Structures are given as structure tokens and as C-alpha cells.
């Protein structure tokens, strides 16, 4: 009897441990797979994993199910570990091969904000002492001031002239904060130093910079670049763009990156407009093509599940030789399928590029990453503590954003 109880307890312990292992394994696999995938007609879904993951539709192989579907069709499929243990139910969309013109050339950005952006809050020296009217009233860094007393403000000078002419009377500010419109009222104070009225803030009405173009999509006539959004240096917030354009640019020199000090490409913006900026978001800068681009062929975009850990190449311009391919390795991050950005870890291995720049530098953002003849992503950021490494975004995510931008344009027209 005692032996039977020991055996029962032992079996229960083994069963409990086995259950915990299975449960933990399922949670792990759920974290490394996406909720949505694109597949080509007649193809299945291969997900890179230490444990075999099988995708099926109503018990049938996914390749068979996709063969009978039309391009554009979406349906739900089951994912199972070893083809037995349920992991999750995901959505797949049947697509054609996706082709774009890969670029890798430098471009300049000229942008104007929606209203003026608050970049700094400052002290005002008055006869009564130090005052901070704007901060005390609740204005915050990253706020966009649209109007003051009903008068639109689009430049730094607009704000200064209205404030100075107020003579200390109450001013009503119309502000956009986190996509929400708010109103704040307060009075300017008289500066002891200049004898003019001040509110204690600095604003920005425009910005400019240089980056790298990733690709042009002939299907939706959108040019994509940068791989990350244009942000205000002081606040780190995405800049809300009222208008802007991308122009040609030329790289004239580079500063080599070191640990703790990222390098950068120094360039000169030209005067030839390439496109009109339609969207500035976390996935990059997206513009409607209005000028001309030179390209000789179209390249297929790899679907995210086709991107593999291993050797790849970065196409970028770091000198007067134009877009050049440099060797690197890429690693799909564990969180890649649950984020729209920073999907890849990129390591520069090319000796020539390391000698020229030390690795990834500012201005290379947007540089295309190619693997096995397909566009897999774009460089987005450099790691401060190791300039040979940086992050990259899936090309599929950028193309999805480009299509979204094109769809929004059609809505505006209609």
C-alpha cells in the first residue's frame, strides 16, 4: 500500500512537471509567432523555431488551402507544436510576389510642423524675480501650439509677435497634445532684461536632415526612407508634419563611429524635389513621388517569415561612389513578430565599411538590407555602446505602411 502511494505521488509529480513544461513551451511559442502572416498562393508557412511548428487549415496542410484561395483572401489557420499541441490561431493573407525598386541613395528632408512645437521651457527674469508662465500654466514639451487668441501661428516669429503685443493681457492657446486638442490661458510677464513680454518657452517650426532612401513602390507610387520617424532632438517625440518634401542629396564626408560616440554622414541637400512627405511615423518617412528616380530593376520583398539569421548585405552610400553593397549579418529578434520596428539585429562585418565609418552611423538610417536576392529590411538605429551593431525593420512592415499611406491619399481625394 505504501509503495502504491509512492508510485502514485511520483507519477503525479512527473505529470505535473510535464504539464508545466508543455504550458511554458506553449507560452514561449506564442511569444515568438505573429498574429498575422502573408503567404504566396500554393505555399505553406514555415516558422523558424527550435520546436517544429505546423500550420494547418481545418486539418489540411496550409499549402493545399492557399492553392484554392485567391490573392487578397484572408483566413484563420491553426498553429501546433509537433503538429499536435495547439499554440494559437492566426490570420494569413494570400499575396502575390511583392516587388519594389531598392534604392540606398541619400536624400534630404525639409519639413514644417503642424503649428509650432514646444521644445524647451525657460525662466523669465522679471522685476519680481524668476517666473515661468508657460510651465506654470501647464504647457509641456512636445505640445503643438496651433493658435493664440484665435490667430494661427506657423513660425517662431508669429508666437513672439503676439506675445510681445499682449501687454500682459490673458492669452488663450489652442494646443494639440497626444492627438487631443486642449486650451490653456495665461498671461505673459515683462522681462527685466529686454522690457518686452515673454512666456518662457522655445518653439520650433521646421526641421531638416539627411537619411537614406529604402525603396520605391511602383504599385502605390510611394517612396520610403529612414526606417524610423523624424523626432525632435530635445523631446524625442515624433514631429507632426504639416508639410514637407524630400530632395536629392550628396554625401561629402563621414565621421567614424566609436563606442559611446556614434559617427555620422555629412551631406549636402540639393534642389531637386523627389517627393512630397505624406507621413512621418515610427516606421519611417513616406512620400508621394513627384520627381524622378533612377533604378534598373525591381527586387522582391521577403515576407517576414522568410528572413533568416545569417549573412546579408547593406546597400548604402557613405561617399561619392554611390550605393554600394557591404557585408553584414542579421538576427531576427525574439520580439520581432510583435513589433513594427526594431525587428532585426544588424552587425556590420565588412572590413571596408568598418574602416570608413566604424559600422553604422547617423545618416545610414533607411539603408536597404538584402538577403538571398530579396529585400528583407532596412537599417534604423545604431547601438551607442557598439557602433558595429544596430537595429533594422522588416521590409514587409515598411511596405504595409506605404500601402496604408496610399490608401489614406485615396480617401482624401474621394
Protein backbone atom coordinates (compact mmCIF):
# COMPACT_ATOMS: atom_id res chain seq x y z
CA UNK A 1 0.00 0.00 0.00
CA UNK A 2 2.80 2.38 0.92
CA UNK A 3 4.63 1.54 -2.34
CA UNK A 4 1.45 2.26 -4.32
CA UNK A 5 1.13 5.71 -2.73
CA UNK A 6 4.77 6.48 -3.54
CA UNK A 7 4.28 5.41 -7.15
CA UNK A 8 1.09 7.48 -7.41
CA UNK A 9 2.79 10.57 -6.00
CA UNK A 10 5.75 10.07 -8.30
CA UNK A 11 3.53 9.74 -11.36
CA UNK A 12 1.56 12.82 -10.32
CA UNK A 13 4.82 14.79 -9.87
CA UNK A 14 6.03 13.66 -13.31
CA UNK A 15 2.66 14.59 -14.83
CA UNK A 16 2.74 17.99 -13.13
CA UNK A 17 6.29 18.71 -14.32
CA UNK A 18 5.38 17.57 -17.84
CA UNK A 19 2.29 19.82 -17.81
CA UNK A 20 4.33 22.82 -16.63
CA UNK A 21 6.91 22.19 -19.37
CA UNK A 22 4.20 21.94 -22.04
CA UNK A 23 2.41 25.06 -20.76
CA UNK A 24 5.67 27.03 -20.60
CA UNK A 25 6.58 25.83 -24.07
CA UNK A 26 3.25 26.95 -25.49
CA UNK A 27 3.63 30.40 -23.90
CA UNK A 28 7.14 30.68 -25.34
CA UNK A 29 5.98 29.71 -28.83
CA UNK A 30 3.07 32.14 -28.65
CA UNK A 31 5.58 34.91 -27.94
CA UNK A 32 7.74 34.14 -30.98
CA UNK A 33 4.97 33.83 -33.57
CA UNK A 34 2.96 36.63 -35.13
CA UNK A 35 -0.81 37.01 -35.14
CA UNK A 36 -0.76 37.70 -38.88
CA UNK A 37 1.26 36.40 -41.81
CA UNK A 38 1.30 36.81 -45.55
CA UNK A 39 1.82 33.74 -47.76
CA UNK A 40 2.01 33.19 -51.50
CA UNK A 41 -0.58 31.17 -53.36
CA UNK A 42 0.14 27.45 -53.08
CA UNK A 43 2.71 27.89 -50.32
CA UNK A 44 2.63 26.93 -46.67
CA UNK A 45 4.02 28.73 -43.65
CA UNK A 46 7.43 27.87 -42.27
CA UNK A 47 8.23 29.47 -38.92
CA UNK A 48 11.82 29.33 -37.70
CA UNK A 49 11.76 27.65 -34.28
CA UNK A 50 13.65 25.08 -32.21
CA UNK A 51 10.35 23.19 -32.00
CA UNK A 52 8.61 22.19 -35.27
CA UNK A 53 5.51 24.36 -35.78
CA UNK A 54 2.87 23.10 -38.21
CA UNK A 55 0.27 25.42 -39.75
CA UNK A 56 -2.96 23.81 -40.93
CA UNK A 57 -6.44 24.81 -42.08
CA UNK A 58 -9.31 22.57 -40.99
CA UNK A 59 -6.85 19.73 -40.55
CA UNK A 60 -5.35 20.10 -44.03
CA UNK A 61 -1.90 21.33 -45.00
CA UNK A 62 -1.80 25.11 -45.39
CA UNK A 63 -0.20 24.84 -48.85
CA UNK A 64 -3.28 22.99 -50.12
CA UNK A 65 -5.63 25.54 -48.58
CA UNK A 66 -3.76 28.51 -50.04
CA UNK A 67 -3.73 26.92 -53.50
CA UNK A 68 -7.50 27.16 -53.68
CA UNK A 69 -7.59 30.78 -52.47
CA UNK A 70 -7.39 33.96 -54.49
CA UNK A 71 -4.83 36.72 -53.94
CA UNK A 72 -6.21 39.03 -51.28
CA UNK A 73 -8.12 36.31 -49.42
CA UNK A 74 -7.61 36.08 -45.66
CA UNK A 75 -8.46 33.16 -43.40
CA UNK A 76 -7.60 31.74 -39.99
CA UNK A 77 -5.25 28.79 -39.51
CA UNK A 78 -4.13 26.71 -36.55
CA UNK A 79 -0.55 26.52 -35.32
CA UNK A 80 0.50 23.37 -33.50
CA UNK A 81 3.81 22.32 -31.97
CA UNK A 82 4.93 18.98 -33.47
CA UNK A 83 1.63 19.12 -35.36
CA UNK A 84 -0.15 18.04 -32.14
CA UNK A 85 -0.04 20.64 -29.34
CA UNK A 86 -2.22 23.71 -30.07
CA UNK A 87 -0.32 27.02 -29.90
CA UNK A 88 -2.62 29.65 -31.34
CA UNK A 89 -4.97 30.60 -34.15
CA UNK A 90 -3.57 33.17 -36.58
CA UNK A 91 -4.69 35.03 -39.70
CA UNK A 92 -2.98 34.59 -43.06
CA UNK A 93 -3.41 36.58 -46.26
CA UNK A 94 -2.65 35.23 -49.72
CA UNK A 95 -0.47 37.66 -51.68
CA UNK A 96 1.39 37.92 -54.97
CA UNK A 97 5.14 38.38 -55.03
CA UNK A 98 5.85 41.91 -53.81
CA UNK A 99 8.39 43.89 -55.84
CA UNK A 100 9.95 47.31 -55.26
CA UNK A 101 12.84 49.36 -56.58
CA UNK A 102 15.64 49.14 -53.99
CA UNK A 103 17.48 52.46 -53.64
CA UNK A 104 20.12 53.00 -50.93
CA UNK A 105 20.74 56.60 -52.02
CA UNK A 106 20.94 59.66 -49.73
CA UNK A 107 18.08 62.15 -49.54
CA UNK A 108 17.34 65.38 -47.76
CA UNK A 109 14.23 66.19 -45.76
CA UNK A 110 12.66 69.63 -45.37
CA UNK A 111 9.67 69.65 -43.03
CA UNK A 112 7.33 72.18 -41.46
CA UNK A 113 5.43 71.39 -38.30
CA UNK A 114 1.70 71.44 -37.67
CA UNK A 115 1.65 74.73 -35.77
CA UNK A 116 4.81 75.21 -33.69
CA UNK A 117 6.31 72.60 -31.41
CA UNK A 118 7.34 73.40 -27.83
CA UNK A 119 10.95 72.26 -27.45
CA UNK A 120 12.03 73.97 -24.23
CA UNK A 121 10.58 75.76 -21.19
CA UNK A 122 12.67 78.58 -19.74
CA UNK A 123 12.88 81.19 -16.97
CA UNK A 124 11.88 84.82 -17.40
CA UNK A 125 13.72 87.34 -15.26
CA UNK A 126 11.20 89.95 -14.06
CA UNK A 127 11.26 92.81 -11.54
CA UNK A 128 9.58 90.43 -9.07
CA UNK A 129 12.07 87.63 -9.64
CA UNK A 130 12.19 84.49 -11.80
CA UNK A 131 8.89 83.37 -13.34
CA UNK A 132 7.96 80.52 -15.69
CA UNK A 133 4.50 81.43 -17.06
CA UNK A 134 4.22 78.68 -19.70
CA UNK A 135 5.31 75.87 -17.39
CA UNK A 136 3.12 77.13 -14.52
CA UNK A 137 0.11 77.22 -16.86
CA UNK A 138 0.63 73.59 -17.84
CA UNK A 139 2.28 73.78 -21.25
CA UNK A 140 4.55 70.76 -21.81
CA UNK A 141 7.44 69.78 -24.03
CA UNK A 142 6.17 68.28 -27.28
CA UNK A 143 2.94 70.35 -27.30
CA UNK A 144 1.93 71.85 -30.64
CA UNK A 145 0.58 75.40 -30.45
CA UNK A 146 -1.91 75.96 -33.27
CA UNK A 147 -3.37 79.36 -32.40
CA UNK A 148 -3.00 82.15 -29.85
CA UNK A 149 -6.14 84.20 -29.24
CA UNK A 150 -7.60 82.60 -32.36
CA UNK A 151 -4.70 83.69 -34.58
CA UNK A 152 -2.87 80.85 -36.36
CA UNK A 153 0.83 80.54 -35.58
CA UNK A 154 3.15 78.78 -38.01
CA UNK A 155 6.54 80.29 -37.17
CA UNK A 156 8.62 81.25 -34.16
CA UNK A 157 8.15 84.88 -35.14
CA UNK A 158 4.34 84.54 -35.04
CA UNK A 159 4.45 83.44 -31.40
CA UNK A 160 6.92 86.15 -30.36
CA UNK A 161 4.98 88.99 -32.01
CA UNK A 162 1.62 88.00 -30.49
CA UNK A 163 3.09 87.55 -27.01
CA UNK A 164 5.00 90.84 -27.12
CA UNK A 165 1.92 92.73 -28.28
CA UNK A 166 -0.27 91.32 -25.48
CA UNK A 167 0.89 93.90 -22.88
CA UNK A 168 0.37 91.30 -20.18
CA UNK A 169 -3.26 90.56 -21.05
CA UNK A 170 -4.50 86.97 -20.92
CA UNK A 171 -3.60 84.80 -23.90
CA UNK A 172 -5.60 81.75 -24.99
CA UNK A 173 -3.55 78.94 -26.52
CA UNK A 174 -5.05 76.22 -28.73
CA UNK A 175 -2.80 73.19 -28.33
CA UNK A 176 -2.53 69.64 -29.67
CA UNK A 177 -1.19 67.17 -27.10
CA UNK A 178 -1.14 63.42 -27.80
CA UNK A 179 -3.59 63.94 -30.68
CA UNK A 180 -6.02 65.70 -28.34
CA UNK A 181 -6.92 69.39 -28.62
CA UNK A 182 -6.74 71.38 -25.37
CA UNK A 183 -6.93 75.07 -24.43
CA UNK A 184 -4.71 76.86 -21.92
CA UNK A 185 -4.97 80.52 -20.87
CA UNK A 186 -2.41 82.60 -19.02
CA UNK A 187 -0.63 85.96 -19.09
CA UNK A 188 2.82 86.86 -20.34
CA UNK A 189 5.23 88.63 -17.97
CA UNK A 190 7.54 91.55 -18.62
CA UNK A 191 11.20 90.66 -18.97
CA UNK A 192 13.56 92.72 -16.83
CA UNK A 193 16.34 92.20 -19.38
CA UNK A 194 14.52 93.21 -22.59
CA UNK A 195 11.49 95.15 -21.28
CA UNK A 196 9.31 93.00 -23.59
CA UNK A 197 6.65 90.43 -22.70
CA UNK A 198 7.70 86.76 -22.53
CA UNK A 199 6.05 83.46 -21.65
CA UNK A 200 9.16 81.32 -21.08
CA UNK A 201 9.22 78.83 -23.91
CA UNK A 202 11.09 78.00 -27.10
CA UNK A 203 9.35 76.62 -30.16
CA UNK A 204 10.31 75.01 -33.44
CA UNK A 205 8.52 75.45 -36.76
CA UNK A 206 10.71 73.46 -39.14
CA UNK A 207 13.42 70.84 -39.39
CA UNK A 208 15.81 69.39 -41.93
CA UNK A 209 18.12 66.42 -42.17
CA UNK A 210 19.66 63.69 -44.30
CA UNK A 211 18.88 59.99 -44.42
CA UNK A 212 18.82 57.06 -46.84
CA UNK A 213 16.03 56.03 -49.20
CA UNK A 214 15.00 52.40 -48.81
CA UNK A 215 12.73 51.68 -51.76
CA UNK A 216 10.16 52.98 -54.22
CA UNK A 217 6.92 51.02 -54.64
CA UNK A 218 5.55 51.38 -58.20
CA UNK A 219 2.27 49.79 -57.11
CA UNK A 220 1.31 52.70 -54.85
CA UNK A 221 3.79 55.36 -56.07
CA UNK A 222 5.29 55.80 -52.58
CA UNK A 223 8.96 56.40 -51.75
CA UNK A 224 10.06 55.02 -48.36
CA UNK A 225 13.07 56.04 -46.34
CA UNK A 226 14.75 56.38 -42.95
CA UNK A 227 13.11 53.31 -41.34
CA UNK A 228 12.26 55.37 -38.24
CA UNK A 229 10.38 58.59 -37.69
CA UNK A 230 11.76 62.13 -37.65
CA UNK A 231 11.83 63.14 -33.99
CA UNK A 232 12.56 66.36 -32.14
CA UNK A 233 16.02 66.09 -30.58
CA UNK A 234 15.06 67.76 -27.29
CA UNK A 235 11.89 65.78 -26.61
CA UNK A 236 12.36 62.59 -28.61
CA UNK A 237 8.78 62.96 -29.85
CA UNK A 238 7.70 62.35 -33.44
CA UNK A 239 7.34 65.64 -35.28
CA UNK A 240 3.80 66.30 -36.51
CA UNK A 241 4.29 67.42 -40.09
CA UNK A 242 2.08 69.97 -41.76
CA UNK A 243 4.05 69.89 -44.99
CA UNK A 244 7.39 68.71 -46.22
CA UNK A 245 9.39 67.38 -49.11
CA UNK A 246 12.29 65.08 -49.86
CA UNK A 247 15.08 66.26 -52.15
CA UNK A 248 18.25 64.86 -53.67
CA UNK A 249 21.38 64.90 -51.55
CA UNK A 250 25.08 64.24 -51.78
CA UNK A 251 27.36 62.68 -49.14
CA UNK A 252 30.53 64.76 -48.84
CA UNK A 253 32.26 63.16 -45.84
CA UNK A 254 31.76 60.82 -42.90
CA UNK A 255 32.72 60.78 -39.25
CA UNK A 256 33.76 57.41 -37.89
CA UNK A 257 31.73 55.99 -35.03
CA UNK A 258 33.26 54.93 -31.73
CA UNK A 259 31.94 53.34 -28.55
CA UNK A 260 29.75 55.93 -26.86
CA UNK A 261 30.00 58.34 -29.81
CA UNK A 262 28.04 57.40 -32.94
CA UNK A 263 29.52 58.61 -36.20
CA UNK A 264 27.58 60.37 -38.94
CA UNK A 265 27.42 61.07 -42.63
CA UNK A 266 27.81 64.69 -43.64
CA UNK A 267 25.86 65.65 -46.69
CA UNK A 268 24.62 68.49 -48.81
CA UNK A 269 20.98 68.79 -49.80
CA UNK A 270 20.21 69.56 -53.41
CA UNK A 271 17.38 71.48 -55.02
CA UNK A 272 15.64 68.71 -56.97
CA UNK A 273 12.41 67.63 -55.29
CA UNK A 274 11.84 63.87 -55.26
CA UNK A 275 8.55 63.71 -53.42
CA UNK A 276 6.06 65.26 -51.03
CA UNK A 277 6.08 63.85 -47.50
CA UNK A 278 2.74 62.27 -46.67
CA UNK A 279 3.54 60.50 -43.41
CA UNK A 280 6.12 60.65 -40.64
CA UNK A 281 5.71 57.66 -38.31
CA UNK A 282 7.68 55.13 -36.29
CA UNK A 283 8.27 53.06 -39.46
CA UNK A 284 9.91 55.90 -41.38
CA UNK A 285 9.17 58.74 -43.80
CA UNK A 286 6.74 58.04 -46.64
CA UNK A 287 6.46 60.37 -49.62
CA UNK A 288 4.41 60.60 -52.79
CA UNK A 289 6.74 60.56 -55.78
CA UNK A 290 6.66 63.82 -57.72
CA UNK A 291 10.13 63.80 -59.27
CA UNK A 292 12.28 61.15 -60.93
CA UNK A 293 14.14 58.17 -59.53
CA UNK A 294 16.74 56.10 -61.33
CA UNK A 295 16.53 52.31 -60.99
CA UNK A 296 17.24 49.44 -63.35
CA UNK A 297 15.17 46.60 -61.89
CA UNK A 298 12.62 45.57 -59.30
CA UNK A 299 13.50 43.37 -56.33
CA UNK A 300 11.22 41.01 -54.45
CA UNK A 301 10.45 41.81 -50.82
CA UNK A 302 10.92 38.89 -48.44
CA UNK A 303 7.98 38.09 -46.22
CA UNK A 304 8.95 38.32 -42.55
CA UNK A 305 8.97 34.55 -42.05
CA UNK A 306 11.42 34.24 -44.96
CA UNK A 307 14.05 36.36 -43.18
CA UNK A 308 16.74 34.08 -41.71
CA UNK A 309 19.55 34.56 -39.22
CA UNK A 310 22.86 34.75 -41.06
CA UNK A 311 24.71 36.59 -43.78
CA UNK A 312 23.19 39.58 -45.57
CA UNK A 313 24.24 42.85 -47.21
CA UNK A 314 23.60 46.52 -46.54
CA UNK A 315 23.17 48.82 -49.53
CA UNK A 316 24.23 52.34 -48.58
CA UNK A 317 26.02 55.47 -49.73
CA UNK A 318 28.86 56.64 -47.49
CA UNK A 319 30.98 58.50 -50.06
CA UNK A 320 30.94 59.71 -53.65
CA UNK A 321 30.83 56.18 -55.09
CA UNK A 322 27.06 55.94 -54.76
CA UNK A 323 25.06 52.99 -53.35
CA UNK A 324 27.42 50.11 -52.52
CA UNK A 325 26.81 46.68 -51.01
CA UNK A 326 28.58 45.88 -47.73
CA UNK A 327 28.56 42.55 -45.84
CA UNK A 328 26.72 42.14 -42.56
CA UNK A 329 24.89 39.54 -40.52
CA UNK A 330 21.31 39.77 -39.31
CA UNK A 331 19.44 38.15 -36.45
CA UNK A 332 15.66 38.12 -36.10
CA UNK A 333 14.92 39.43 -32.61
CA UNK A 334 12.72 37.35 -30.27
CA UNK A 335 10.15 40.18 -30.19
CA UNK A 336 10.30 40.75 -33.96
CA UNK A 337 6.83 39.48 -34.82
CA UNK A 338 5.11 41.56 -32.16
CA UNK A 339 6.63 44.91 -33.11
CA UNK A 340 6.52 47.10 -36.19
CA UNK A 341 10.05 48.41 -35.60
CA UNK A 342 13.45 47.11 -34.44
CA UNK A 343 12.76 43.63 -35.80
CA UNK A 344 16.38 42.78 -36.65
CA UNK A 345 19.77 43.00 -35.00
CA UNK A 346 22.28 44.03 -37.68
CA UNK A 347 26.05 43.54 -37.35
CA UNK A 348 28.45 45.09 -39.87
CA UNK A 349 31.19 42.61 -40.86
CA UNK A 350 32.51 44.30 -43.98
CA UNK A 351 36.13 45.45 -43.43
CA UNK A 352 35.83 48.29 -45.94
CA UNK A 353 32.75 49.77 -44.30
CA UNK A 354 34.27 49.33 -40.83
CA UNK A 355 37.36 51.24 -41.96
CA UNK A 356 35.26 54.03 -43.48
CA UNK A 357 32.60 54.53 -40.80
CA UNK A 358 33.30 52.17 -37.91
CA UNK A 359 29.97 50.47 -38.61
CA UNK A 360 26.50 52.00 -38.60
CA UNK A 361 26.38 55.80 -38.40
CA UNK A 362 23.76 58.53 -38.44
CA UNK A 363 22.58 59.12 -41.98
CA UNK A 364 22.59 55.41 -42.84
CA UNK A 365 19.09 55.01 -41.43
CA UNK A 366 16.91 53.57 -44.18
CA UNK A 367 19.75 51.67 -45.88
CA UNK A 368 18.26 48.54 -47.50
CA UNK A 369 19.23 45.09 -46.20
CA UNK A 370 19.29 42.28 -48.77
CA UNK A 371 19.49 38.54 -48.27
CA UNK A 372 19.40 35.83 -50.93
CA UNK A 373 18.46 38.35 -53.61
CA UNK A 374 15.47 39.72 -51.69
CA UNK A 375 14.90 42.93 -49.73
CA UNK A 376 14.46 41.87 -46.10
CA UNK A 377 14.60 45.17 -44.23
CA UNK A 378 16.30 48.49 -43.57
CA UNK A 379 18.79 49.80 -41.02
CA UNK A 380 17.15 52.05 -38.41
CA UNK A 381 19.41 52.67 -35.39
CA UNK A 382 22.98 52.23 -34.20
CA UNK A 383 23.83 50.82 -30.78
CA UNK A 384 25.65 53.55 -28.84
CA UNK A 385 27.86 51.09 -26.97
CA UNK A 386 28.81 49.17 -30.14
CA UNK A 387 28.70 51.05 -33.46
CA UNK A 388 29.25 47.84 -35.44
CA UNK A 389 25.72 46.84 -34.45
CA UNK A 390 22.29 48.35 -34.90
CA UNK A 391 18.63 47.59 -35.41
CA UNK A 392 16.63 47.04 -38.55
CA UNK A 393 12.97 46.95 -39.57
CA UNK A 394 11.26 44.29 -41.72
CA UNK A 395 10.76 45.45 -45.33
CA UNK A 396 7.28 43.89 -45.17
CA UNK A 397 6.33 46.30 -42.36
CA UNK A 398 7.53 49.27 -44.40
CA UNK A 399 5.58 48.12 -47.46
CA UNK A 400 2.42 47.72 -45.35
CA UNK A 401 2.86 51.29 -44.14
CA UNK A 402 3.39 52.51 -47.71
CA UNK A 403 0.11 50.89 -48.72
CA UNK A 404 -1.65 52.49 -45.75
CA UNK A 405 -0.32 55.91 -46.80
CA UNK A 406 -1.51 55.33 -50.38
CA UNK A 407 -4.97 54.26 -49.15
CA UNK A 408 -5.24 57.39 -47.00
CA UNK A 409 -4.42 59.51 -50.04
CA UNK A 410 -7.28 57.90 -51.96
CA UNK A 411 -9.66 58.65 -49.09
CA UNK A 412 -8.69 62.31 -49.17
CA UNK A 413 -9.21 62.51 -52.93
CA UNK A 414 -12.62 60.84 -52.76
